[in-house]
Amino acid sequence: MFSILNSIKSQHDEERRARQYRAIITKAAKLGGELFGPIPDGVRREFFCLDERTWIWHEEWYDQNGEHHAITTRYDVRPNGILKAQDGQPYQYLSLEEGRRFYKAVKMYNKLIHAELL
């Protein structure tokens, strides 16, 4: 009986940690989306660190015809460069200039997240 209770408690703890992690990622993504200025009405913009080497930029909006648009860009930080893939396209290395902008965004994000969440 004791092992069943431990198993249930462990499962609840794991679920609680998963909920907390999702809440932190959601808040961080929203804050990250605001890094580059105000977000227009009807636009959803997120920028966040998914894990130690993966960054995500996501933006959604409706155009003047009411058509939904969404773009997701995934950045994979490697020792030899930063790879970028957008909406299922193959990975490509960032140019030097895009790499500089990405680095600046990551620094801004880390500063903001540390100030707001940690």
PDB file of N, CA and C in Angstrom:
ATOM      1  N   MET A   1       0.822  -1.200   0.000  1.00  0.00           N
ATOM      2  CA  MET A   1       0.000   0.000   0.000  1.00  0.00           C
ATOM      3  C   MET A   1       0.865   1.263   0.000  1.00  0.00           C
ATOM      4  N   PHE A   2       1.962   1.235   0.789  1.00  0.00           N
ATOM      5  CA  PHE A   2       2.850   2.383   0.892  1.00  0.00           C
ATOM      6  C   PHE A   2       3.468   2.729  -0.458  1.00  0.00           C
ATOM      7  N   SER A   3       3.871   1.710  -1.239  1.00  0.00           N
ATOM      8  CA  SER A   3       4.486   1.965  -2.548  1.00  0.00           C
ATOM      9  C   SER A   3       3.473   2.564  -3.521  1.00  0.00           C
ATOM     10  N   ILE A   4       2.228   2.195  -3.415  1.00  0.00           N
ATOM     11  CA  ILE A   4       1.184   2.778  -4.276  1.00  0.00           C
ATOM     12  C   ILE A   4       1.017   4.252  -3.940  1.00  0.00           C
ATOM     13  N   LEU A   5       0.994   4.580  -2.649  1.00  0.00           N
ATOM     14  CA  LEU A   5       0.863   5.978  -2.239  1.00  0.00           C
ATOM     15  C   LEU A   5       2.076   6.795  -2.681  1.00  0.00           C
ATOM     16  N   ASN A   6       3.276   6.211  -2.554  1.00  0.00           N
ATOM     17  CA  ASN A   6       4.484   6.895  -3.025  1.00  0.00           C
ATOM     18  C   ASN A   6       4.432   7.133  -4.525  1.00  0.00           C
ATOM     19  N   SER A   7       3.942   6.153  -5.260  1.00  0.00           N
ATOM     20  CA  SER A   7       3.826   6.268  -6.713  1.00  0.00           C
ATOM     21  C   SER A   7       2.851   7.387  -7.084  1.00  0.00           C
ATOM     22  N   ILE A   8       1.727   7.451  -6.397  1.00  0.00           N
ATOM     23  CA  ILE A   8       0.729   8.498  -6.656  1.00  0.00           C
ATOM     24  C   ILE A   8       1.302   9.867  -6.323  1.00  0.00           C
ATOM     25  N   LYS A   9       1.980   9.972  -5.167  1.00  0.00           N
ATOM     26  CA  LYS A   9       2.594  11.243  -4.767  1.00  0.00           C
ATOM     27  C   LYS A   9       3.654  11.660  -5.783  1.00  0.00           C
ATOM     28  N   SER A  10       4.460  10.723  -6.223  1.00  0.00           N
ATOM     29  CA  SER A  10       5.498  11.013  -7.209  1.00  0.00           C
ATOM     30  C   SER A  10       4.885  11.517  -8.513  1.00  0.00           C
ATOM     31  N   GLN A  11       3.793  10.886  -8.924  1.00  0.00           N
ATOM     32  CA  GLN A  11       3.110  11.298 -10.157  1.00  0.00           C
ATOM     33  C   GLN A  11       2.545  12.711 -10.006  1.00  0.00           C
ATOM     34  N   HIS A  12       1.954  13.008  -8.844  1.00  0.00           N
ATOM     35  CA  HIS A  12       1.416  14.350  -8.605  1.00  0.00           C
ATOM     36  C   HIS A  12       2.535  15.390  -8.594  1.00  0.00           C
ATOM     37  N   ASP A  13       3.680  15.054  -7.979  1.00  0.00           N
ATOM     38  CA  ASP A  13       4.820  15.967  -7.956  1.00  0.00           C
ATOM     39  C   ASP A  13       5.320  16.235  -9.369  1.00  0.00           C
ATOM     40  N   GLU A  14       5.397  15.191 -10.168  1.00  0.00           N
ATOM     41  CA  GLU A  14       5.856  15.330 -11.556  1.00  0.00           C
ATOM     42  C   GLU A  14       4.891  16.190 -12.360  1.00  0.00           C
ATOM     43  N   GLU A  15       3.589  15.981 -12.177  1.00  0.00           N
ATOM     44  CA  GLU A  15       2.584  16.789 -12.872  1.00  0.00           C
ATOM     45  C   GLU A  15       2.667  18.250 -12.438  1.00  0.00           C
ATOM     46  N   ARG A  16       2.885  18.482 -11.156  1.00  0.00           N
ATOM     47  CA  ARG A  16       3.004  19.838 -10.633  1.00  0.00           C
ATOM     48  C   ARG A  16       4.227  20.526 -11.224  1.00  0.00           C
ATOM     49  N   ARG A  17       5.362  19.829 -11.288  1.00  0.00           N
ATOM     50  CA  ARG A  17       6.574  20.402 -11.883  1.00  0.00           C
ATOM     51  C   ARG A  17       6.365  20.703 -13.367  1.00  0.00           C
ATOM     52  N   ALA A  18       5.666  19.822 -14.067  1.00  0.00           N
ATOM     53  CA  ALA A  18       5.395  20.044 -15.495  1.00  0.00           C
ATOM     54  C   ALA A  18       4.511  21.280 -15.678  1.00  0.00           C
ATOM     55  N   ARG A  19       3.500  21.451 -14.832  1.00  0.00           N
ATOM     56  CA  ARG A  19       2.636  22.635 -14.905  1.00  0.00           C
ATOM     57  C   ARG A  19       3.436  23.906 -14.622  1.00  0.00           C
ATOM     58  N   GLN A  20       4.303  23.841 -13.615  1.00  0.00           N
ATOM     59  CA  GLN A  20       5.130  25.003 -13.283  1.00  0.00           C
ATOM     60  C   GLN A  20       6.059  25.350 -14.441  1.00  0.00           C
ATOM     61  N   TYR A  21       6.666  24.337 -15.047  1.00  0.00           N
ATOM     62  CA  TYR A  21       7.563  24.559 -16.184  1.00  0.00           C
ATOM     63  C   TYR A  21       6.806  25.214 -17.346  1.00  0.00           C
ATOM     64  N   ARG A  22       5.611  24.689 -17.661  1.00  0.00           N
ATOM     65  CA  ARG A  22       4.808  25.272 -18.746  1.00  0.00           C
ATOM     66  C   ARG A  22       4.438  26.715 -18.440  1.00  0.00           C
ATOM     67  N   ALA A  23       4.087  26.999 -17.187  1.00  0.00           N
ATOM     68  CA  ALA A  23       3.719  28.365 -16.798  1.00  0.00           C
ATOM     69  C   ALA A  23       4.910  29.315 -16.955  1.00  0.00           C
ATOM     70  N   ILE A  24       6.085  28.860 -16.567  1.00  0.00           N
ATOM     71  CA  ILE A  24       7.278  29.693 -16.697  1.00  0.00           C
ATOM     72  C   ILE A  24       7.600  29.939 -18.170  1.00  0.00           C
ATOM     73  N   ILE A  25       7.545  28.890 -18.978  1.00  0.00           N
ATOM     74  CA  ILE A  25       7.818  29.030 -20.421  1.00  0.00           C
ATOM     75  C   ILE A  25       6.810  29.984 -21.056  1.00  0.00           C
ATOM     76  N   THR A  26       5.532  29.859 -20.687  1.00  0.00           N
ATOM     77  CA  THR A  26       4.487  30.725 -21.247  1.00  0.00           C
ATOM     78  C   THR A  26       4.753  32.184 -20.895  1.00  0.00           C
ATOM     79  N   LYS A  27       5.069  32.444 -19.629  1.00  0.00           N
ATOM     80  CA  LYS A  27       5.354  33.822 -19.190  1.00  0.00           C
ATOM     81  C   LYS A  27       6.620  34.343 -19.878  1.00  0.00           C
ATOM     82  N   ALA A  28       7.667  33.525 -19.928  1.00  0.00           N
ATOM     83  CA  ALA A  28       8.922  33.932 -20.565  1.00  0.00           C
ATOM     84  C   ALA A  28       8.703  34.212 -22.056  1.00  0.00           C
ATOM     85  N   ALA A  29       7.903  33.388 -22.727  1.00  0.00           N
ATOM     86  CA  ALA A  29       7.635  33.576 -24.158  1.00  0.00           C
ATOM     87  C   ALA A  29       6.920  34.893 -24.407  1.00  0.00           C
ATOM     88  N   LYS A  30       5.959  35.208 -23.550  1.00  0.00           N
ATOM     89  CA  LYS A  30       5.226  36.472 -23.688  1.00  0.00           C
ATOM     90  C   LYS A  30       6.167  37.660 -23.469  1.00  0.00           C
ATOM     91  N   LEU A  31       6.964  37.596 -22.412  1.00  0.00           N
ATOM     92  CA  LEU A  31       7.930  38.668 -22.156  1.00  0.00           C
ATOM     93  C   LEU A  31       8.918  38.804 -23.318  1.00  0.00           C
ATOM     94  N   GLY A  32       9.408  37.674 -23.813  1.00  0.00           N
ATOM     95  CA  GLY A  32      10.340  37.688 -24.933  1.00  0.00           C
ATOM     96  C   GLY A  32       9.738  38.303 -26.184  1.00  0.00           C
ATOM     97  N   GLY A  33       8.463  38.072 -26.403  1.00  0.00           N
ATOM     98  CA  GLY A  33       7.785  38.646 -27.561  1.00  0.00           C
ATOM     99  C   GLY A  33       7.681  40.149 -27.507  1.00  0.00           C
ATOM    100  N   GLU A  34       7.767  40.709 -26.311  1.00  0.00           N
ATOM    101  CA  GLU A  34       7.667  42.160 -26.125  1.00  0.00           C
ATOM    102  C   GLU A  34       9.022  42.862 -26.229  1.00  0.00           C
ATOM    103  N   LEU A  35      10.094  42.092 -26.412  1.00  0.00           N
ATOM    104  CA  LEU A  35      11.443  42.674 -26.469  1.00  0.00           C
ATOM    105  C   LEU A  35      11.613  43.709 -27.570  1.00  0.00           C
ATOM    106  N   PHE A  36      10.926  43.548 -28.665  1.00  0.00           N
ATOM    107  CA  PHE A  36      11.183  44.362 -29.845  1.00  0.00           C
ATOM    108  C   PHE A  36      10.101  45.414 -30.079  1.00  0.00           C
ATOM    109  N   GLY A  37       9.461  45.798 -28.994  1.00  0.00           N
ATOM    110  CA  GLY A  37       8.466  46.859 -29.076  1.00  0.00           C
ATOM    111  C   GLY A  37       7.065  46.353 -28.845  1.00  0.00           C
ATOM    112  N   PRO A  38       6.126  47.292 -28.876  1.00  0.00           N
ATOM    113  CA  PRO A  38       4.728  46.936 -28.619  1.00  0.00           C
ATOM    114  C   PRO A  38       4.205  45.935 -29.645  1.00  0.00           C
ATOM    115  N   ILE A  39       3.360  45.062 -29.177  1.00  0.00           N
ATOM    116  CA  ILE A  39       2.745  44.067 -30.054  1.00  0.00           C
ATOM    117  C   ILE A  39       1.394  44.623 -30.503  1.00  0.00           C
ATOM    118  N   PRO A  40       1.195  44.727 -31.800  1.00  0.00           N
ATOM    119  CA  PRO A  40      -0.082  45.272 -32.286  1.00  0.00           C
ATOM    120  C   PRO A  40      -1.273  44.405 -31.860  1.00  0.00           C
ATOM    121  N   ASP A  41      -2.425  45.022 -31.758  1.00  0.00           N
ATOM    122  CA  ASP A  41      -3.647  44.275 -31.451  1.00  0.00           C
ATOM    123  C   ASP A  41      -3.837  43.165 -32.476  1.00  0.00           C
ATOM    124  N   GLY A  42      -4.269  42.029 -32.007  1.00  0.00           N
ATOM    125  CA  GLY A  42      -4.530  40.904 -32.893  1.00  0.00           C
ATOM    126  C   GLY A  42      -3.299  40.104 -33.276  1.00  0.00           C
ATOM    127  N   VAL A  43      -2.142  40.455 -32.721  1.00  0.00           N
ATOM    128  CA  VAL A  43      -0.902  39.744 -33.023  1.00  0.00           C
ATOM    129  C   VAL A  43      -0.438  39.011 -31.770  1.00  0.00           C
ATOM    130  N   ARG A  44      -0.007  37.799 -31.967  1.00  0.00           N
ATOM    131  CA  ARG A  44       0.609  37.023 -30.890  1.00  0.00           C
ATOM    132  C   ARG A  44       2.068  36.826 -31.264  1.00  0.00           C
ATOM    133  N   ARG A  45       2.965  37.236 -30.379  1.00  0.00           N
ATOM    134  CA  ARG A  45       4.399  37.141 -30.659  1.00  0.00           C
ATOM    135  C   ARG A  45       5.081  36.549 -29.430  1.00  0.00           C
ATOM    136  N   GLU A  46       5.930  35.553 -29.656  1.00  0.00           N
ATOM    137  CA  GLU A  46       6.647  34.908 -28.563  1.00  0.00           C
ATOM    138  C   GLU A  46       8.102  34.673 -28.971  1.00  0.00           C
ATOM    139  N   PHE A  47       8.976  34.816 -28.002  1.00  0.00           N
ATOM    140  CA  PHE A  47      10.397  34.503 -28.189  1.00  0.00           C
ATOM    141  C   PHE A  47      10.854  33.894 -26.877  1.00  0.00           C
ATOM    142  N   PHE A  48      11.414  32.684 -26.942  1.00  0.00           N
ATOM    143  CA  PHE A  48      11.789  32.023 -25.699  1.00  0.00           C
ATOM    144  C   PHE A  48      12.839  30.944 -25.931  1.00  0.00           C
ATOM    145  N   CYS A  49      13.458  30.568 -24.820  1.00  0.00           N
ATOM    146  CA  CYS A  49      14.460  29.513 -24.795  1.00  0.00           C
ATOM    147  C   CYS A  49      13.759  28.221 -24.386  1.00  0.00           C
ATOM    148  N   LEU A  50      13.746  27.252 -25.272  1.00  0.00           N
ATOM    149  CA  LEU A  50      13.070  25.992 -25.010  1.00  0.00           C
ATOM    150  C   LEU A  50      13.929  25.069 -24.151  1.00  0.00           C
ATOM    151  N   ASP A  51      15.207  25.013 -24.460  1.00  0.00           N
ATOM    152  CA  ASP A  51      16.157  24.221 -23.674  1.00  0.00           C
ATOM    153  C   ASP A  51      17.531  24.867 -23.814  1.00  0.00           C
ATOM    154  N   GLU A  52      18.565  24.211 -23.380  1.00  0.00           N
ATOM    155  CA  GLU A  52      19.880  24.854 -23.324  1.00  0.00           C
ATOM    156  C   GLU A  52      20.441  25.282 -24.679  1.00  0.00           C
ATOM    157  N   ARG A  53      19.906  24.781 -25.780  1.00  0.00           N
ATOM    158  CA  ARG A  53      20.436  25.200 -27.085  1.00  0.00           C
ATOM    159  C   ARG A  53      19.373  25.540 -28.125  1.00  0.00           C
ATOM    160  N   THR A  54      18.099  25.537 -27.741  1.00  0.00           N
ATOM    161  CA  THR A  54      17.022  25.769 -28.702  1.00  0.00           C
ATOM    162  C   THR A  54      16.218  27.017 -28.344  1.00  0.00           C
ATOM    163  N   TRP A  55      16.083  27.890 -29.315  1.00  0.00           N
ATOM    164  CA  TRP A  55      15.302  29.120 -29.155  1.00  0.00           C
ATOM    165  C   TRP A  55      14.184  29.129 -30.176  1.00  0.00           C
ATOM    166  N   ILE A  56      13.042  29.706 -29.791  1.00  0.00           N
ATOM    167  CA  ILE A  56      11.867  29.750 -30.661  1.00  0.00           C
ATOM    168  C   ILE A  56      11.377  31.190 -30.791  1.00  0.00           C
ATOM    169  N   TRP A  57      11.078  31.590 -32.032  1.00  0.00           N
ATOM    170  CA  TRP A  57      10.386  32.851 -32.326  1.00  0.00           C
ATOM    171  C   TRP A  57       9.090  32.438 -33.013  1.00  0.00           C
ATOM    172  N   HIS A  58       7.964  32.893 -32.475  1.00  0.00           N
ATOM    173  CA  HIS A  58       6.667  32.543 -33.065  1.00  0.00           C
ATOM    174  C   HIS A  58       5.827  33.805 -33.160  1.00  0.00           C
ATOM    175  N   GLU A  59       5.171  33.956 -34.303  1.00  0.00           N
ATOM    176  CA  GLU A  59       4.300  35.108 -34.491  1.00  0.00           C
ATOM    177  C   GLU A  59       3.057  34.669 -35.260  1.00  0.00           C
ATOM    178  N   GLU A  60       1.900  35.148 -34.799  1.00  0.00           N
ATOM    179  CA  GLU A  60       0.614  34.862 -35.448  1.00  0.00           C
ATOM    180  C   GLU A  60      -0.168  36.161 -35.608  1.00  0.00           C
ATOM    181  N   TRP A  61      -0.903  36.267 -36.709  1.00  0.00           N
ATOM    182  CA  TRP A  61      -1.738  37.430 -36.936  1.00  0.00           C
ATOM    183  C   TRP A  61      -2.769  37.111 -38.015  1.00  0.00           C
ATOM    184  N   TYR A  62      -3.756  37.978 -38.114  1.00  0.00           N
ATOM    185  CA  TYR A  62      -4.759  37.911 -39.169  1.00  0.00           C
ATOM    186  C   TYR A  62      -4.559  39.124 -40.064  1.00  0.00           C
ATOM    187  N   ASP A  63      -4.583  38.893 -41.371  1.00  0.00           N
ATOM    188  CA  ASP A  63      -4.410  40.012 -42.297  1.00  0.00           C
ATOM    189  C   ASP A  63      -5.736  40.741 -42.499  1.00  0.00           C
ATOM    190  N   GLN A  64      -5.738  41.748 -43.375  1.00  0.00           N
ATOM    191  CA  GLN A  64      -6.927  42.571 -43.598  1.00  0.00           C
ATOM    192  C   GLN A  64      -8.096  41.780 -44.174  1.00  0.00           C
ATOM    193  N   ASN A  65      -7.834  40.586 -44.752  1.00  0.00           N
ATOM    194  CA  ASN A  65      -8.892  39.734 -45.289  1.00  0.00           C
ATOM    195  C   ASN A  65      -9.362  38.697 -44.277  1.00  0.00           C
ATOM    196  N   GLY A  66      -8.812  38.761 -43.068  1.00  0.00           N
ATOM    197  CA  GLY A  66      -9.192  37.804 -42.029  1.00  0.00           C
ATOM    198  C   GLY A  66      -8.470  36.472 -42.131  1.00  0.00           C
ATOM    199  N   GLU A  67      -7.456  36.408 -42.989  1.00  0.00           N
ATOM    200  CA  GLU A  67      -6.703  35.159 -43.148  1.00  0.00           C
ATOM    201  C   GLU A  67      -5.645  35.047 -42.047  1.00  0.00           C
ATOM    202  N   HIS A  68      -5.587  33.869 -41.450  1.00  0.00           N
ATOM    203  CA  HIS A  68      -4.643  33.619 -40.358  1.00  0.00           C
ATOM    204  C   HIS A  68      -3.259  33.310 -40.913  1.00  0.00           C
ATOM    205  N   HIS A  69      -2.232  33.912 -40.292  1.00  0.00           N
ATOM    206  CA  HIS A  69      -0.838  33.670 -40.654  1.00  0.00           C
ATOM    207  C   HIS A  69      -0.067  33.306 -39.395  1.00  0.00           C
ATOM    208  N   ALA A  70       0.876  32.420 -39.541  1.00  0.00           N
ATOM    209  CA  ALA A  70       1.735  32.043 -38.415  1.00  0.00           C
ATOM    210  C   ALA A  70       3.111  31.690 -38.954  1.00  0.00           C
ATOM    211  N   ILE A  71       4.113  32.165 -38.245  1.00  0.00           N
ATOM    212  CA  ILE A  71       5.498  31.858 -38.599  1.00  0.00           C
ATOM    213  C   ILE A  71       6.196  31.393 -37.324  1.00  0.00           C
ATOM    214  N   THR A  72       6.857  30.245 -37.418  1.00  0.00           N
ATOM    215  CA  THR A  72       7.649  29.740 -36.301  1.00  0.00           C
ATOM    216  C   THR A  72       9.072  29.534 -36.797  1.00  0.00           C
ATOM    217  N   THR A  73       9.992  30.139 -36.081  1.00  0.00           N
ATOM    218  CA  THR A  73      11.415  30.019 -36.405  1.00  0.00           C
ATOM    219  C   THR A  73      12.105  29.350 -35.233  1.00  0.00           C
ATOM    220  N   ARG A  74      12.859  28.326 -35.537  1.00  0.00           N
ATOM    221  CA  ARG A  74      13.592  27.574 -34.511  1.00  0.00           C
ATOM    222  C   ARG A  74      15.086  27.807 -34.729  1.00  0.00           C
ATOM    223  N   TYR A  75      15.760  28.206 -33.657  1.00  0.00           N
ATOM    224  CA  TYR A  75      17.200  28.430 -33.690  1.00  0.00           C
ATOM    225  C   TYR A  75      17.874  27.336 -32.872  1.00  0.00           C
ATOM    226  N   ASP A  76      18.853  26.691 -33.460  1.00  0.00           N
ATOM    227  CA  ASP A  76      19.591  25.621 -32.794  1.00  0.00           C
ATOM    228  C   ASP A  76      21.046  26.079 -32.649  1.00  0.00           C
ATOM    229  N   VAL A  77      21.433  26.383 -31.407  1.00  0.00           N
ATOM    230  CA  VAL A  77      22.763  26.908 -31.137  1.00  0.00           C
ATOM    231  C   VAL A  77      23.741  25.746 -31.037  1.00  0.00           C
ATOM    232  N   ARG A  78      24.737  25.757 -31.909  1.00  0.00           N
ATOM    233  CA  ARG A  78      25.755  24.699 -31.957  1.00  0.00           C
ATOM    234  C   ARG A  78      27.124  25.312 -31.727  1.00  0.00           C
ATOM    235  N   PRO A  79      28.113  24.501 -31.386  1.00  0.00           N
ATOM    236  CA  PRO A  79      29.462  25.038 -31.176  1.00  0.00           C
ATOM    237  C   PRO A  79      30.034  25.729 -32.417  1.00  0.00           C
ATOM    238  N   ASN A  80      29.629  25.291 -33.599  1.00  0.00           N
ATOM    239  CA  ASN A  80      30.184  25.848 -34.836  1.00  0.00           C
ATOM    240  C   ASN A  80      29.265  26.861 -35.519  1.00  0.00           C
ATOM    241  N   GLY A  81      28.195  27.285 -34.852  1.00  0.00           N
ATOM    242  CA  GLY A  81      27.300  28.282 -35.434  1.00  0.00           C
ATOM    243  C   GLY A  81      25.870  28.088 -34.975  1.00  0.00           C
ATOM    244  N   ILE A  82      25.006  28.937 -35.492  1.00  0.00           N
ATOM    245  CA  ILE A  82      23.588  28.890 -35.140  1.00  0.00           C
ATOM    246  C   ILE A  82      22.804  28.509 -36.388  1.00  0.00           C
ATOM    247  N   LEU A  83      22.050  27.436 -36.263  1.00  0.00           N
ATOM    248  CA  LEU A  83      21.192  26.980 -37.354  1.00  0.00           C
ATOM    249  C   LEU A  83      19.790  27.526 -37.157  1.00  0.00           C
ATOM    250  N   LYS A  84      19.129  27.817 -38.266  1.00  0.00           N
ATOM    251  CA  LYS A  84      17.777  28.372 -38.228  1.00  0.00           C
ATOM    252  C   LYS A  84      16.902  27.596 -39.196  1.00  0.00           C
ATOM    253  N   ALA A  85      15.703  27.243 -38.734  1.00  0.00           N
ATOM    254  CA  ALA A  85      14.707  26.623 -39.611  1.00  0.00           C
ATOM    255  C   ALA A  85      13.389  27.349 -39.390  1.00  0.00           C
ATOM    256  N   GLN A  86      12.681  27.593 -40.474  1.00  0.00           N
ATOM    257  CA  GLN A  86      11.421  28.316 -40.382  1.00  0.00           C
ATOM    258  C   GLN A  86      10.320  27.506 -41.041  1.00  0.00           C
ATOM    259  N   ASP A  87       9.293  27.216 -40.256  1.00  0.00           N
ATOM    260  CA  ASP A  87       8.099  26.520 -40.755  1.00  0.00           C
ATOM    261  C   ASP A  87       8.407  25.286 -41.596  1.00  0.00           C
ATOM    262  N   GLY A  88       9.222  24.401 -41.045  1.00  0.00           N
ATOM    263  CA  GLY A  88       9.492  23.127 -41.689  1.00  0.00           C
ATOM    264  C   GLY A  88      10.540  23.153 -42.783  1.00  0.00           C
ATOM    265  N   GLN A  89      11.110  24.303 -43.065  1.00  0.00           N
ATOM    266  CA  GLN A  89      12.161  24.392 -44.075  1.00  0.00           C
ATOM    267  C   GLN A  89      13.451  23.806 -43.502  1.00  0.00           C
ATOM    268  N   PRO A  90      14.398  23.429 -44.357  1.00  0.00           N
ATOM    269  CA  PRO A  90      15.664  22.875 -43.855  1.00  0.00           C
ATOM    270  C   PRO A  90      16.443  23.917 -43.052  1.00  0.00           C
ATOM    271  N   TYR A  91      17.268  23.424 -42.152  1.00  0.00           N
ATOM    272  CA  TYR A  91      18.131  24.298 -41.368  1.00  0.00           C
ATOM    273  C   TYR A  91      19.170  24.968 -42.258  1.00  0.00           C
ATOM    274  N   GLN A  92      19.457  26.232 -41.933  1.00  0.00           N
ATOM    275  CA  GLN A  92      20.529  26.975 -42.588  1.00  0.00           C
ATOM    276  C   GLN A  92      21.277  27.745 -41.511  1.00  0.00           C
ATOM    277  N   TYR A  93      22.583  27.938 -41.692  1.00  0.00           N
ATOM    278  CA  TYR A  93      23.350  28.728 -40.737  1.00  0.00           C
ATOM    279  C   TYR A  93      22.983  30.202 -40.875  1.00  0.00           C
ATOM    280  N   LEU A  94      22.975  30.897 -39.743  1.00  0.00           N
ATOM    281  CA  LEU A  94      22.727  32.338 -39.759  1.00  0.00           C
ATOM    282  C   LEU A  94      23.901  33.055 -40.397  1.00  0.00           C
ATOM    283  N   SER A  95      23.591  34.137 -41.069  1.00  0.00           N
ATOM    284  CA  SER A  95      24.657  35.009 -41.562  1.00  0.00           C
ATOM    285  C   SER A  95      25.285  35.700 -40.349  1.00  0.00           C
ATOM    286  N   LEU A  96      26.426  36.309 -40.552  1.00  0.00           N
ATOM    287  CA  LEU A  96      27.106  37.004 -39.468  1.00  0.00           C
ATOM    288  C   LEU A  96      26.217  38.098 -38.891  1.00  0.00           C
ATOM    289  N   GLU A  97      25.570  38.872 -39.736  1.00  0.00           N
ATOM    290  CA  GLU A  97      24.705  39.962 -39.258  1.00  0.00           C
ATOM    291  C   GLU A  97      23.490  39.417 -38.503  1.00  0.00           C
ATOM    292  N   GLU A  98      22.860  38.389 -39.033  1.00  0.00           N
ATOM    293  CA  GLU A  98      21.711  37.801 -38.337  1.00  0.00           C
ATOM    294  C   GLU A  98      22.150  37.176 -37.013  1.00  0.00           C
ATOM    295  N   GLY A  99      23.343  36.599 -36.994  1.00  0.00           N
ATOM    296  CA  GLY A  99      23.888  36.044 -35.759  1.00  0.00           C
ATOM    297  C   GLY A  99      24.090  37.120 -34.703  1.00  0.00           C
ATOM    298  N   ARG A 100      24.568  38.284 -35.129  1.00  0.00           N
ATOM    299  CA  ARG A 100      24.741  39.410 -34.196  1.00  0.00           C
ATOM    300  C   ARG A 100      23.394  39.850 -33.623  1.00  0.00           C
ATOM    301  N   ARG A 101      22.376  39.948 -34.475  1.00  0.00           N
ATOM    302  CA  ARG A 101      21.040  40.336 -33.997  1.00  0.00           C
ATOM    303  C   ARG A 101      20.472  39.290 -33.046  1.00  0.00           C
ATOM    304  N   PHE A 102      20.679  38.016 -33.372  1.00  0.00           N
ATOM    305  CA  PHE A 102      20.205  36.939 -32.508  1.00  0.00           C
ATOM    306  C   PHE A 102      20.895  37.018 -31.144  1.00  0.00           C
ATOM    307  N   TYR A 103      22.208  37.199 -31.144  1.00  0.00           N
ATOM    308  CA  TYR A 103      22.976  37.301 -29.902  1.00  0.00           C
ATOM    309  C   TYR A 103      22.460  38.466 -29.046  1.00  0.00           C
ATOM    310  N   LYS A 104      22.193  39.592 -29.680  1.00  0.00           N
ATOM    311  CA  LYS A 104      21.670  40.765 -28.966  1.00  0.00           C
ATOM    312  C   LYS A 104      20.291  40.442 -28.365  1.00  0.00           C
ATOM    313  N   ALA A 105      19.446  39.772 -29.137  1.00  0.00           N
ATOM    314  CA  ALA A 105      18.113  39.402 -28.639  1.00  0.00           C
ATOM    315  C   ALA A 105      18.214  38.457 -27.453  1.00  0.00           C
ATOM    316  N   VAL A 106      19.123  37.501 -27.511  1.00  0.00           N
ATOM    317  CA  VAL A 106      19.303  36.544 -26.411  1.00  0.00           C
ATOM    318  C   VAL A 106      19.780  37.270 -25.156  1.00  0.00           C
ATOM    319  N   LYS A 107      20.711  38.195 -25.311  1.00  0.00           N
ATOM    320  CA  LYS A 107      21.186  38.971 -24.158  1.00  0.00           C
ATOM    321  C   LYS A 107      20.042  39.780 -23.543  1.00  0.00           C
ATOM    322  N   MET A 108      19.242  40.430 -24.376  1.00  0.00           N
ATOM    323  CA  MET A 108      18.107  41.210 -23.885  1.00  0.00           C
ATOM    324  C   MET A 108      17.099  40.302 -23.174  1.00  0.00           C
ATOM    325  N   TYR A 109      16.835  39.166 -23.771  1.00  0.00           N
ATOM    326  CA  TYR A 109      15.891  38.201 -23.191  1.00  0.00           C
ATOM    327  C   TYR A 109      16.377  37.740 -21.821  1.00  0.00           C
ATOM    328  N   ASN A 110      17.641  37.333 -21.731  1.00  0.00           N
ATOM    329  CA  ASN A 110      18.176  36.841 -20.461  1.00  0.00           C
ATOM    330  C   ASN A 110      18.102  37.910 -19.373  1.00  0.00           C
ATOM    331  N   LYS A 111      18.422  39.132 -19.727  1.00  0.00           N
ATOM    332  CA  LYS A 111      18.349  40.239 -18.762  1.00  0.00           C
ATOM    333  C   LYS A 111      16.903  40.442 -18.293  1.00  0.00           C
ATOM    334  N   LEU A 112      15.980  40.439 -19.219  1.00  0.00           N
ATOM    335  CA  LEU A 112      14.565  40.634 -18.895  1.00  0.00           C
ATOM    336  C   LEU A 112      14.029  39.496 -18.032  1.00  0.00           C
ATOM    337  N   ILE A 113      14.326  38.266 -18.413  1.00  0.00           N
ATOM    338  CA  ILE A 113      13.821  37.113 -17.680  1.00  0.00           C
ATOM    339  C   ILE A 113      14.380  37.092 -16.260  1.00  0.00           C
ATOM    340  N   HIS A 114      15.658  37.387 -16.108  1.00  0.00           N
ATOM    341  CA  HIS A 114      16.242  37.423 -14.768  1.00  0.00           C
ATOM    342  C   HIS A 114      15.595  38.502 -13.909  1.00  0.00           C
ATOM    343  N   ALA A 115      15.263  39.630 -14.522  1.00  0.00           N
ATOM    344  CA  ALA A 115      14.629  40.727 -13.778  1.00  0.00           C
ATOM    345  C   ALA A 115      13.183  40.399 -13.419  1.00  0.00           C
ATOM    346  N   GLU A 116      12.473  39.734 -14.317  1.00  0.00           N
ATOM    347  CA  GLU A 116      11.036  39.505 -14.129  1.00  0.00           C
ATOM    348  C   GLU A 116      10.674  38.193 -13.448  1.00  0.00           C
ATOM    349  N   LEU A 117      11.432  37.141 -13.722  1.00  0.00           N
ATOM    350  CA  LEU A 117      11.022  35.818 -13.257  1.00  0.00           C
ATOM    351  C   LEU A 117      11.925  35.209 -12.188  1.00  0.00           C
ATOM    352  N   LEU A 118      13.153  35.659 -12.091  1.00  0.00           N
ATOM    353  CA  LEU A 118      14.067  35.005 -11.139  1.00  0.00           C
ATOM    354  C   LEU A 118      14.342  35.862  -9.929  1.00  0.00           C
TER     355      LEU A 118
END
